[in-house]
Amino acid sequence: MATLLRVRLPLPPSVNATNTPMGRRLVLTTEARRWRRDAPVLLGGWEPPAHTPLAVTIKLEVPALYRGDIDGYLKPILDAVIGKNRDQWVTSLSVRKVRGEGWCDVAVEAVEE
């Protein structure tokens, strides 16, 4: 597999902390809006190649290891790194959570068919 991207991003808010009620609807929290704005800048305009199966490896560095669901962080990370309409090209996903300072390390590789 060829490595296409290695990047360190700030840990996004968990999906459970992404929305807040406002009237009768849900809106993005300030933290979620900030992360969605800043993550693409840190990626420097990177986009995965079209029609290429991808393997994604994510290491979550969280302040409290046994707090929060591991899968609650995945959607914002995958949407930022892979793209909202390209998730179907991720054929392998590996995630681990370790104690840390609030970062996520992401590696994207092209999968040989």
C-alpha atoms as a PDB file:
ATOM      1  CA  MET A   1       0.000   0.000   0.000  1.00  0.00           C
ATOM      2  CA  ALA A   2       1.242   3.458  -0.871  1.00  0.00           C
ATOM      3  CA  THR A   3       0.931   6.120   1.822  1.00  0.00           C
ATOM      4  CA  LEU A   4      -0.937   9.125   0.448  1.00  0.00           C
ATOM      5  CA  LEU A   5      -1.232  11.264   3.582  1.00  0.00           C
ATOM      6  CA  ARG A   6       0.021  11.471   7.157  1.00  0.00           C
ATOM      7  CA  VAL A   7      -1.354  14.343   9.206  1.00  0.00           C
ATOM      8  CA  ARG A   8      -1.798  15.402  12.837  1.00  0.00           C
ATOM      9  CA  LEU A   9      -5.039  17.241  13.539  1.00  0.00           C
ATOM     10  CA  PRO A  10      -6.540  18.595  16.733  1.00  0.00           C
ATOM     11  CA  LEU A  11      -9.023  16.147  18.197  1.00  0.00           C
ATOM     12  CA  PRO A  12     -12.499  17.072  16.922  1.00  0.00           C
ATOM     13  CA  PRO A  13     -15.457  17.367  19.249  1.00  0.00           C
ATOM     14  CA  SER A  14     -17.209  14.040  19.660  1.00  0.00           C
ATOM     15  CA  VAL A  15     -20.326  13.593  17.571  1.00  0.00           C
ATOM     16  CA  ASN A  16     -22.225  13.780  20.887  1.00  0.00           C
ATOM     17  CA  ALA A  17     -20.820  17.301  21.458  1.00  0.00           C
ATOM     18  CA  THR A  18     -21.280  18.563  17.906  1.00  0.00           C
ATOM     19  CA  ASN A  19     -24.833  19.893  18.086  1.00  0.00           C
ATOM     20  CA  THR A  20     -26.758  22.014  20.553  1.00  0.00           C
ATOM     21  CA  PRO A  21     -30.492  22.776  20.600  1.00  0.00           C
ATOM     22  CA  MET A  22     -31.601  26.196  19.414  1.00  0.00           C
ATOM     23  CA  GLY A  23     -35.328  26.588  19.430  1.00  0.00           C
ATOM     24  CA  ARG A  24     -36.779  23.580  17.618  1.00  0.00           C
ATOM     25  CA  ARG A  25     -33.640  22.641  15.751  1.00  0.00           C
ATOM     26  CA  LEU A  26     -30.074  21.584  16.348  1.00  0.00           C
ATOM     27  CA  VAL A  27     -27.150  23.800  15.381  1.00  0.00           C
ATOM     28  CA  LEU A  28     -23.414  23.191  15.390  1.00  0.00           C
ATOM     29  CA  THR A  29     -21.600  24.129  18.570  1.00  0.00           C
ATOM     30  CA  THR A  30     -18.923  26.810  18.405  1.00  0.00           C
ATOM     31  CA  GLU A  31     -16.252  24.143  18.890  1.00  0.00           C
ATOM     32  CA  ALA A  32     -17.635  22.017  16.022  1.00  0.00           C
ATOM     33  CA  ARG A  33     -17.813  25.030  13.673  1.00  0.00           C
ATOM     34  CA  ARG A  34     -14.233  25.965  14.551  1.00  0.00           C
ATOM     35  CA  TRP A  35     -12.972  22.413  13.912  1.00  0.00           C
ATOM     36  CA  ARG A  36     -14.787  22.165  10.562  1.00  0.00           C
ATOM     37  CA  ARG A  37     -13.268  25.514   9.540  1.00  0.00           C
ATOM     38  CA  ASP A  38      -9.706  24.748  10.691  1.00  0.00           C
ATOM     39  CA  ALA A  39      -9.270  21.088   9.675  1.00  0.00           C
ATOM     40  CA  PRO A  40      -9.260  21.709   5.884  1.00  0.00           C
ATOM     41  CA  VAL A  41      -6.671  24.467   6.366  1.00  0.00           C
ATOM     42  CA  LEU A  42      -4.401  22.019   8.209  1.00  0.00           C
ATOM     43  CA  LEU A  43      -4.860  19.543   5.353  1.00  0.00           C
ATOM     44  CA  GLY A  44      -3.549  22.141   2.896  1.00  0.00           C
ATOM     45  CA  GLY A  45      -6.189  21.471   0.247  1.00  0.00           C
ATOM     46  CA  TRP A  46      -5.413  17.745   0.122  1.00  0.00           C
ATOM     47  CA  GLU A  47      -8.017  15.526  -1.511  1.00  0.00           C
ATOM     48  CA  PRO A  48      -7.826  11.760  -1.938  1.00  0.00           C
ATOM     49  CA  PRO A  49      -7.500  10.431  -5.478  1.00  0.00           C
ATOM     50  CA  ALA A  50     -10.802   9.686  -7.183  1.00  0.00           C
ATOM     51  CA  HIS A  51     -12.054   6.101  -7.471  1.00  0.00           C
ATOM     52  CA  THR A  52      -9.247   4.671  -5.327  1.00  0.00           C
ATOM     53  CA  PRO A  53      -9.900   2.236  -2.467  1.00  0.00           C
ATOM     54  CA  LEU A  54      -8.410   3.643   0.739  1.00  0.00           C
ATOM     55  CA  ALA A  55      -7.187   2.318   4.073  1.00  0.00           C
ATOM     56  CA  VAL A  56      -7.390   4.811   6.940  1.00  0.00           C
ATOM     57  CA  THR A  57      -5.547   4.484  10.244  1.00  0.00           C
ATOM     58  CA  ILE A  58      -6.439   6.853  13.081  1.00  0.00           C
ATOM     59  CA  LYS A  59      -4.802   7.252  16.477  1.00  0.00           C
ATOM     60  CA  LEU A  60      -6.886   9.321  18.887  1.00  0.00           C
ATOM     61  CA  GLU A  61      -4.936  10.983  21.695  1.00  0.00           C
ATOM     62  CA  VAL A  62      -7.553  11.771  24.341  1.00  0.00           C
ATOM     63  CA  PRO A  63      -7.142  13.360  27.779  1.00  0.00           C
ATOM     64  CA  ALA A  64      -9.327  10.709  29.489  1.00  0.00           C
ATOM     65  CA  LEU A  65      -8.905   7.230  28.017  1.00  0.00           C
ATOM     66  CA  TYR A  66     -12.179   5.725  29.218  1.00  0.00           C
ATOM     67  CA  ARG A  67     -14.364   8.728  28.594  1.00  0.00           C
ATOM     68  CA  GLY A  68     -16.257   9.118  25.349  1.00  0.00           C
ATOM     69  CA  ASP A  69     -17.027   6.610  22.626  1.00  0.00           C
ATOM     70  CA  ILE A  70     -14.199   5.786  20.217  1.00  0.00           C
ATOM     71  CA  ASP A  71     -16.588   5.977  17.252  1.00  0.00           C
ATOM     72  CA  GLY A  72     -17.890   9.417  18.243  1.00  0.00           C
ATOM     73  CA  TYR A  73     -14.761  11.054  16.808  1.00  0.00           C
ATOM     74  CA  LEU A  74     -14.666   9.215  13.473  1.00  0.00           C
ATOM     75  CA  LYS A  75     -17.265  11.011  11.338  1.00  0.00           C
ATOM     76  CA  PRO A  76     -15.778  14.511  11.582  1.00  0.00           C
ATOM     77  CA  ILE A  77     -12.278  13.133  10.944  1.00  0.00           C
ATOM     78  CA  LEU A  78     -13.329  11.060   7.933  1.00  0.00           C
ATOM     79  CA  ASP A  79     -15.440  13.897   6.508  1.00  0.00           C
ATOM     80  CA  ALA A  80     -12.480  16.287   6.741  1.00  0.00           C
ATOM     81  CA  VAL A  81      -9.803  13.917   5.442  1.00  0.00           C
ATOM     82  CA  ILE A  82     -11.709  11.781   2.925  1.00  0.00           C
ATOM     83  CA  GLY A  83     -14.653  14.030   2.049  1.00  0.00           C
ATOM     84  CA  LYS A  84     -18.339  13.778   2.824  1.00  0.00           C
ATOM     85  CA  ASN A  85     -19.215  12.109  -0.476  1.00  0.00           C
ATOM     86  CA  ARG A  86     -16.214   9.791  -0.733  1.00  0.00           C
ATOM     87  CA  ASP A  87     -16.616   7.616   2.369  1.00  0.00           C
ATOM     88  CA  GLN A  88     -17.570   4.645   0.207  1.00  0.00           C
ATOM     89  CA  TRP A  89     -13.933   4.386  -0.949  1.00  0.00           C
ATOM     90  CA  VAL A  90     -12.706   3.585   2.572  1.00  0.00           C
ATOM     91  CA  THR A  91     -12.368  -0.210   2.542  1.00  0.00           C
ATOM     92  CA  SER A  92     -10.273  -0.505   5.704  1.00  0.00           C
ATOM     93  CA  LEU A  93     -10.470   1.523   8.910  1.00  0.00           C
ATOM     94  CA  SER A  94      -8.287   1.056  11.973  1.00  0.00           C
ATOM     95  CA  VAL A  95      -8.764   3.196  15.086  1.00  0.00           C
ATOM     96  CA  ARG A  96      -7.111   3.204  18.480  1.00  0.00           C
ATOM     97  CA  LYS A  97      -7.461   5.474  21.467  1.00  0.00           C
ATOM     98  CA  VAL A  98      -4.551   6.366  23.759  1.00  0.00           C
ATOM     99  CA  ARG A  99      -4.073   8.843  26.577  1.00  0.00           C
ATOM    100  CA  GLY A 100      -2.731  12.114  25.192  1.00  0.00           C
ATOM    101  CA  GLU A 101      -3.062  15.840  24.724  1.00  0.00           C
ATOM    102  CA  GLY A 102      -6.072  16.037  22.378  1.00  0.00           C
ATOM    103  CA  TRP A 103      -4.700  15.204  18.921  1.00  0.00           C
ATOM    104  CA  CYS A 104      -5.470  12.676  16.215  1.00  0.00           C
ATOM    105  CA  ASP A 105      -2.906  11.192  13.866  1.00  0.00           C
ATOM    106  CA  VAL A 106      -4.343  10.091  10.531  1.00  0.00           C
ATOM    107  CA  ALA A 107      -2.725   8.011   7.792  1.00  0.00           C
ATOM    108  CA  VAL A 108      -4.372   7.337   4.440  1.00  0.00           C
ATOM    109  CA  GLU A 109      -3.067   4.660   2.094  1.00  0.00           C
ATOM    110  CA  ALA A 110      -4.113   3.522  -1.360  1.00  0.00           C
ATOM    111  CA  VAL A 111      -5.261  -0.102  -1.318  1.00  0.00           C
ATOM    112  CA  GLU A 112      -3.983  -2.401  -4.044  1.00  0.00           C
ATOM    113  CA  GLU A 113      -6.884  -4.243  -5.655  1.00  0.00           C
END
